Amino acid sequence: MMDEKDLWPINKEVWDYMDGHGFHKMTTVYTDMTNEYGTSKDIDEFAWKGQLVGAMNSKSIWETWNFNKFCFGDRFCSGLLFWYHNDPSPLVCARMWDWYLEPTASLYHTMHSLEPLHIQYDYLKDSVSVINDYLKAFKGFTATADIYDLSSRRISSQSVRIDIPEDSSVDNIIGLSFPESISQVHFIRLTLKDAEGRLVSENFYWRSKDKYEGPDTITGPCTSGFASLSSMPSARLKVKAKAVAGARTGEERFEVTVRNTSGKIAFFNQLQVFDADGNSVRPTFYSDNFFTLMPGQGKTVTIDTPKGSGRTLTIKGWNTASRNIPL
């Protein structure tokens, strides 16, 4: 989409042209937000950190809507228009997928934010709420909020039993507090379990100690101060992939099981299918992606991808070594 020499370091004139003459502010606001995760040495590192910004932005948009829709929360919001789904030409800006049909972290963090029964955290109120889109009530559920420091040490844990009305929300059920001594970057894991103890919803956040200075600033616990994430201890993943039935004509389906075998949080892991020439296979559909696994936790992901020989599945994470698995 541009000469390689303009890709990195960022050639502002060219990038702005490929961004609707700077309309989406990719070389200004979004570059500044990406640099809050530390200055990048190349375009690959910059794009990887940009996925974190996209994930956080989408999560914030949809969970604010969850909290406030139809006067559930502090304001009235009847709906949202999320535009620029399908770019008519290659851009340096992408939302849930790019022009080449490569899905981004925004897609999966949107997907989880809009699950019909959902537990979520508010960065400004430091509170936890549960949203219910079902036309039925639920009783005897348990909501839990765990806080971890950068080394994956659990700092605190709070649980509360709740009844959830139909088509409504239960707001501010847990208030979170963070000790002054906690690491600059830390994590919040939320779980919602039913009366029988089965996991119904889970959510994961990264948070900094930075103070929010207002809407016209790049500040606050969900936006700035994430450079120390680079010192997060490493985690280990065990990955198995097998072909399974159910694919559509012209496609193959794989079931991939990923398990965190370490005692550390495995943060922000991406699965990606490549062809024999090392090119990403598009369109490929992943049932989940850009996910975090707690110590000992596993996840099974279904992948539908066009048929082809010499395919490789790559998994990489923020603090896990990249691995290649033949498909």
Protein backbone atom coordinates (compact mmCIF):
# COMPACT_ATOMS: atom_id res chain seq x y z
CA MET A 1 0.00 0.00 0.00
CA MET A 2 3.08 2.25 0.20
CA ASP A 3 6.81 2.15 -0.44
CA GLU A 4 8.63 0.23 2.27
CA LYS A 5 10.81 3.25 2.99
CA ASP A 6 7.70 5.18 4.06
CA LEU A 7 6.44 2.46 6.37
CA TRP A 8 9.11 2.83 9.04
CA PRO A 9 10.08 5.22 10.44
CA ILE A 10 6.58 6.58 9.91
CA ASN A 11 6.48 8.99 6.98
CA LYS A 12 3.80 11.32 8.29
CA GLU A 13 2.90 12.80 4.88
CA VAL A 14 2.33 9.36 3.30
CA TRP A 15 0.59 7.88 6.36
CA ASP A 16 -1.74 10.88 6.59
CA TYR A 17 -2.61 10.47 2.89
CA MET A 18 -3.41 6.79 3.55
CA ASP A 19 -5.51 7.88 6.54
CA GLY A 20 -7.96 10.11 4.72
CA HIS A 21 -5.57 13.07 5.01
CA GLY A 22 -5.05 12.37 8.69
CA PHE A 23 -8.76 12.02 9.44
CA HIS A 24 -8.31 9.17 11.97
CA LYS A 25 -5.25 10.83 13.57
CA MET A 26 -3.09 7.73 13.15
CA THR A 27 0.20 9.69 13.11
CA THR A 28 -0.79 11.90 16.03
CA VAL A 29 -3.19 10.73 18.76
CA TYR A 30 -3.03 7.01 17.95
CA THR A 31 0.74 7.00 17.55
CA ASP A 32 1.00 8.76 20.92
CA MET A 33 -1.29 6.18 22.54
CA THR A 34 0.68 3.30 21.03
CA ASN A 35 3.92 4.82 22.30
CA GLU A 36 2.46 4.69 25.82
CA TYR A 37 3.36 0.99 25.63
CA GLY A 38 6.98 1.96 24.95
CA THR A 39 8.80 3.26 21.88
CA SER A 40 8.89 0.67 19.09
CA LYS A 41 12.03 -0.38 17.25
CA ASP A 42 10.24 -1.39 14.02
CA ILE A 43 6.85 -1.47 12.31
CA ASP A 44 6.05 -4.99 13.55
CA GLU A 45 6.45 -3.99 17.18
CA PHE A 46 4.46 -0.79 16.57
CA ALA A 47 1.60 -2.75 14.96
CA TRP A 48 1.60 -5.31 17.80
CA LYS A 49 1.31 -2.57 20.42
CA GLY A 50 -1.37 -0.94 18.28
CA GLN A 51 -3.45 -4.09 18.73
CA LEU A 52 -3.51 -3.38 22.48
CA VAL A 53 -4.75 0.15 21.83
CA GLY A 54 -7.46 -1.16 19.49
CA ALA A 55 -8.56 -3.79 21.99
CA MET A 56 -8.83 -1.25 24.79
CA ASN A 57 -10.66 1.30 22.63
CA SER A 58 -13.29 -1.18 21.49
CA LYS A 59 -13.79 -2.64 24.95
CA SER A 60 -14.30 0.86 26.35
CA ILE A 61 -16.81 1.84 23.66
CA TRP A 62 -19.04 -1.19 24.04
CA GLU A 63 -18.87 -1.50 27.80
CA THR A 64 -19.78 2.16 28.23
CA TRP A 65 -22.79 1.44 26.00
CA ASN A 66 -23.61 -1.63 28.11
CA PHE A 67 -23.63 0.42 31.29
CA ASN A 68 -25.69 3.34 29.98
CA LYS A 69 -28.13 1.86 27.47
CA PHE A 70 -31.76 2.76 28.08
CA CYS A 71 -30.90 4.49 31.39
CA PHE A 72 -29.28 1.42 32.96
CA GLY A 73 -26.52 3.70 34.24
CA ASP A 74 -25.94 7.45 34.58
CA ARG A 75 -27.00 8.47 31.07
CA PHE A 76 -29.46 7.48 28.36
CA CYS A 77 -28.03 5.84 25.26
CA SER A 78 -30.32 4.14 22.75
CA GLY A 79 -27.63 2.82 20.42
CA LEU A 80 -24.24 3.18 18.75
CA LEU A 81 -23.05 3.55 15.17
CA PHE A 82 -19.69 1.83 14.72
CA TRP A 83 -18.47 2.86 11.28
CA TYR A 84 -15.59 2.06 8.93
CA HIS A 85 -16.17 -1.68 9.00
CA ASN A 86 -15.36 -2.14 5.30
CA ASP A 87 -12.60 0.12 4.01
CA PRO A 88 -12.91 0.71 0.23
CA SER A 89 -9.13 0.93 -0.11
CA PRO A 90 -6.06 0.00 1.96
CA LEU A 91 -5.63 2.35 4.93
CA VAL A 92 -3.22 2.67 7.83
CA CYS A 93 -6.37 2.72 9.97
CA ALA A 94 -8.37 -0.45 10.63
CA ARG A 95 -11.19 -1.33 13.00
CA MET A 96 -12.33 -4.93 13.56
CA TRP A 97 -10.52 -6.16 10.41
CA ASP A 98 -8.36 -4.52 7.81
CA TRP A 99 -8.76 -4.14 4.04
CA TYR A 100 -7.02 -7.51 3.57
CA LEU A 101 -9.61 -9.22 5.86
CA GLU A 102 -7.12 -9.79 8.67
CA PRO A 103 -9.08 -9.70 11.95
CA THR A 104 -7.78 -7.39 14.66
CA ALA A 105 -7.93 -7.49 18.45
CA SER A 106 -10.81 -5.02 18.25
CA LEU A 107 -13.08 -7.72 16.79
CA TYR A 108 -12.60 -10.18 19.64
CA HIS A 109 -12.73 -7.63 22.44
CA THR A 110 -15.95 -6.32 20.89
CA MET A 111 -17.30 -9.88 20.70
CA HIS A 112 -16.70 -10.51 24.40
CA SER A 113 -17.97 -7.07 25.44
CA LEU A 114 -21.30 -7.75 23.73
CA GLU A 115 -21.97 -11.22 25.12
CA PRO A 116 -25.58 -11.31 26.40
CA LEU A 117 -24.61 -11.96 30.02
CA HIS A 118 -21.50 -9.96 30.76
CA ILE A 119 -19.38 -8.86 33.72
CA GLN A 120 -17.36 -5.66 33.30
CA TYR A 121 -15.17 -3.06 35.05
CA ASP A 122 -15.40 0.75 34.99
CA TYR A 123 -11.99 2.48 34.91
CA LEU A 124 -13.32 5.81 36.21
CA LYS A 125 -15.53 4.46 39.00
CA ASP A 126 -13.34 1.46 39.87
CA SER A 127 -16.48 -0.63 40.10
CA VAL A 128 -17.80 -3.90 38.65
CA SER A 129 -21.22 -4.38 37.03
CA VAL A 130 -23.11 -7.21 35.34
CA ILE A 131 -25.17 -6.69 32.17
CA ASN A 132 -28.03 -9.01 31.21
CA ASP A 133 -29.51 -8.89 27.68
CA TYR A 134 -31.60 -12.02 28.16
CA LEU A 135 -35.35 -11.81 28.67
CA LYS A 136 -35.02 -13.90 31.80
CA ALA A 137 -33.66 -13.33 35.30
CA PHE A 138 -30.85 -15.25 36.97
CA LYS A 139 -30.56 -15.94 40.70
CA GLY A 140 -27.75 -16.98 42.99
CA PHE A 141 -24.87 -15.98 40.70
CA THR A 142 -21.41 -15.11 42.06
CA ALA A 143 -19.29 -12.23 40.74
CA THR A 144 -15.58 -12.20 41.58
CA ALA A 145 -12.89 -9.58 41.01
CA ASP A 146 -9.21 -10.50 41.37
CA ILE A 147 -6.34 -8.01 41.13
CA TYR A 148 -2.83 -9.12 40.10
CA ASP A 149 0.44 -7.23 39.94
CA LEU A 150 2.85 -7.31 37.00
CA SER A 151 4.57 -10.44 38.34
CA SER A 152 1.20 -12.30 38.37
CA ARG A 153 0.90 -12.19 42.16
CA ARG A 154 -2.70 -11.92 43.30
CA ILE A 155 -3.11 -8.79 45.39
CA SER A 156 -6.77 -9.06 46.35
CA SER A 157 -9.97 -10.99 45.69
CA GLN A 158 -13.59 -9.96 46.26
CA SER A 159 -16.78 -11.93 45.62
CA VAL A 160 -20.46 -11.15 45.95
CA ARG A 161 -23.64 -13.18 45.34
CA ILE A 162 -26.21 -11.44 43.16
CA ASP A 163 -29.59 -11.87 41.53
CA ILE A 164 -29.73 -10.44 38.00
CA PRO A 165 -33.05 -9.01 36.68
CA GLU A 166 -34.12 -9.74 33.11
CA ASP A 167 -33.03 -7.31 30.36
CA SER A 168 -31.26 -5.07 32.85
CA SER A 169 -28.05 -4.61 34.79
CA VAL A 170 -26.73 -4.88 38.32
CA ASP A 171 -24.45 -1.86 38.72
CA ASN A 172 -21.47 -1.18 40.97
CA ILE A 173 -21.69 -4.50 42.83
CA ILE A 174 -17.97 -4.53 43.71
CA GLY A 175 -15.77 -1.53 44.42
CA LEU A 176 -12.07 -1.99 43.68
CA SER A 177 -9.18 -0.30 45.43
CA PHE A 178 -5.52 -0.49 44.48
CA PRO A 179 -2.70 -0.20 47.05
CA GLU A 180 -0.10 2.48 46.49
CA SER A 181 2.59 -0.20 46.45
CA ILE A 182 1.08 -2.08 43.50
CA SER A 183 3.13 -2.22 40.29
CA GLN A 184 2.69 0.61 37.77
CA VAL A 185 0.87 -1.81 35.46
CA HIS A 186 -1.42 -4.43 36.96
CA PHE A 187 -4.32 -6.66 35.95
CA ILE A 188 -7.97 -7.25 36.84
CA ARG A 189 -9.70 -10.57 36.20
CA LEU A 190 -13.48 -10.77 36.55
CA THR A 191 -15.57 -13.93 36.61
CA LEU A 192 -19.30 -14.56 36.78
CA LYS A 193 -20.49 -18.02 37.84
CA ASP A 194 -23.98 -19.45 38.00
CA ALA A 195 -25.64 -21.02 41.05
CA GLU A 196 -23.96 -24.36 40.26
CA GLY A 197 -20.51 -22.78 40.03
CA ARG A 198 -20.21 -22.92 36.23
CA LEU A 199 -18.30 -20.09 34.55
CA VAL A 200 -20.73 -17.89 32.59
CA SER A 201 -18.64 -14.80 31.81
CA GLU A 202 -15.04 -13.73 32.34
CA ASN A 203 -13.18 -10.54 31.56
CA PHE A 204 -9.60 -9.32 31.77
CA TYR A 205 -8.16 -5.80 32.00
CA TRP A 206 -4.75 -4.20 32.14
CA ARG A 207 -4.56 -1.00 34.18
CA SER A 208 -1.91 1.61 34.99
CA LYS A 209 -1.53 3.91 37.98
CA ASP A 210 -1.67 7.02 35.78
CA LYS A 211 -4.21 9.66 36.78
CA TYR A 212 -6.95 10.63 34.32
CA GLU A 213 -6.60 14.32 33.41
CA GLY A 214 -9.68 14.75 31.20
CA PRO A 215 -11.15 13.78 27.80
CA ASP A 216 -8.78 15.92 25.72
CA THR A 217 -5.66 14.26 27.11
CA ILE A 218 -3.83 10.97 26.57
CA THR A 219 -3.89 10.10 30.25
CA GLY A 220 -5.45 7.70 32.69
CA PRO A 221 -5.40 4.08 33.82
CA CYS A 222 -6.67 2.66 30.50
CA THR A 223 -4.64 4.90 28.17
CA SER A 224 -1.19 5.83 29.44
CA GLY A 225 1.74 4.54 31.46
CA PHE A 226 2.06 1.00 30.08
CA ALA A 227 5.78 0.95 29.16
CA SER A 228 6.66 -1.35 32.08
CA LEU A 229 4.58 -4.13 30.49
CA SER A 230 7.79 -4.96 28.61
CA SER A 231 9.24 -6.31 31.87
CA MET A 232 6.38 -8.76 32.48
CA PRO A 233 7.73 -12.22 33.41
CA SER A 234 7.54 -14.89 30.72
CA ALA A 235 4.82 -17.54 30.59
CA ARG A 236 4.74 -20.91 28.79
CA LEU A 237 2.02 -22.28 26.53
CA LYS A 238 1.24 -25.84 25.44
CA VAL A 239 -0.51 -25.93 22.06
CA LYS A 240 -2.24 -28.80 20.24
CA ALA A 241 -4.01 -28.59 16.88
CA LYS A 242 -6.11 -31.20 15.09
CA ALA A 243 -8.34 -31.28 12.04
CA VAL A 244 -12.05 -31.71 12.80
CA ALA A 245 -15.23 -32.07 10.78
CA GLY A 246 -17.70 -29.29 10.08
CA ALA A 247 -15.86 -27.05 7.62
CA ARG A 248 -17.68 -25.47 4.70
CA THR A 249 -16.88 -26.41 1.11
CA GLY A 250 -13.37 -25.30 0.17
CA GLU A 251 -12.31 -24.84 3.79
CA GLU A 252 -10.66 -26.82 6.57
CA ARG A 253 -11.56 -26.70 10.24
CA PHE A 254 -9.04 -27.06 13.04
CA GLU A 255 -9.52 -27.28 16.77
CA VAL A 256 -6.66 -25.69 18.70
CA THR A 257 -6.18 -26.18 22.43
CA VAL A 258 -3.93 -23.69 24.20
CA ARG A 259 -2.96 -24.15 27.86
CA ASN A 260 -0.86 -21.96 30.12
CA THR A 261 1.50 -24.42 31.83
CA SER A 262 3.38 -21.78 33.81
CA GLY A 263 2.73 -19.95 37.06
CA LYS A 264 2.54 -16.59 35.27
CA ILE A 265 -0.25 -14.84 33.37
CA ALA A 266 0.07 -15.46 29.61
CA PHE A 267 -0.96 -12.07 28.26
CA PHE A 268 -2.56 -11.17 24.92
CA ASN A 269 -2.02 -14.23 22.72
CA GLN A 270 -2.74 -14.29 18.98
CA LEU A 271 -3.30 -17.26 16.69
CA GLN A 272 -2.58 -16.80 12.98
CA VAL A 273 -2.54 -19.19 9.99
CA PHE A 274 0.24 -18.81 7.38
CA ASP A 275 0.72 -20.47 4.00
CA ALA A 276 3.85 -22.22 2.70
CA ASP A 277 5.28 -18.88 1.52
CA GLY A 278 4.88 -17.27 4.93
CA ASN A 279 1.83 -15.15 4.03
CA SER A 280 -1.14 -14.83 6.32
CA VAL A 281 -4.09 -16.87 4.98
CA ARG A 282 -7.16 -14.70 4.49
CA PRO A 283 -9.98 -14.86 5.19
CA THR A 284 -9.46 -17.13 8.21
CA PHE A 285 -12.08 -17.26 10.93
CA TYR A 286 -11.06 -17.74 14.56
CA SER A 287 -13.67 -18.40 17.26
CA ASP A 288 -11.50 -16.36 19.63
CA ASN A 289 -8.18 -14.54 19.50
CA PHE A 290 -5.94 -12.02 21.30
CA PHE A 291 -6.82 -13.71 24.59
CA THR A 292 -5.16 -13.93 28.00
CA LEU A 293 -4.75 -17.14 30.00
CA MET A 294 -4.30 -17.35 33.75
CA PRO A 295 -1.83 -19.90 35.22
CA GLY A 296 -3.12 -23.39 34.45
CA GLN A 297 -5.99 -22.09 32.33
CA GLY A 298 -6.77 -23.56 28.92
CA LYS A 299 -8.83 -22.49 25.92
CA THR A 300 -10.06 -24.25 22.79
CA VAL A 301 -10.30 -22.20 19.60
CA THR A 302 -11.94 -23.30 16.35
CA ILE A 303 -10.30 -22.11 13.12
CA ASP A 304 -11.93 -22.19 9.67
CA THR A 305 -9.45 -21.49 6.88
CA PRO A 306 -9.28 -22.04 3.08
CA LYS A 307 -7.82 -25.40 2.06
CA GLY A 308 -4.15 -25.49 1.19
CA SER A 309 -0.90 -27.37 1.70
CA GLY A 310 2.04 -26.39 3.85
CA ARG A 311 -0.07 -24.41 6.32
CA THR A 312 1.40 -23.34 9.65
CA LEU A 313 -0.32 -22.09 12.78
CA THR A 314 1.66 -19.43 14.65
CA ILE A 315 0.88 -18.41 18.19
CA LYS A 316 2.55 -15.42 19.79
CA GLY A 317 1.86 -13.48 22.95
CA TRP A 318 3.05 -10.43 24.81
CA ASN A 319 5.13 -12.51 27.24
CA THR A 320 5.21 -15.91 25.52
CA ALA A 321 7.64 -17.21 22.91
CA SER A 322 6.36 -17.43 19.34
CA ARG A 323 5.65 -21.00 18.21
CA ASN A 324 4.87 -22.60 14.84
CA ILE A 325 2.65 -25.69 14.58
CA PRO A 326 2.20 -27.52 11.24
CA LEU A 327 -1.45 -27.95 10.24
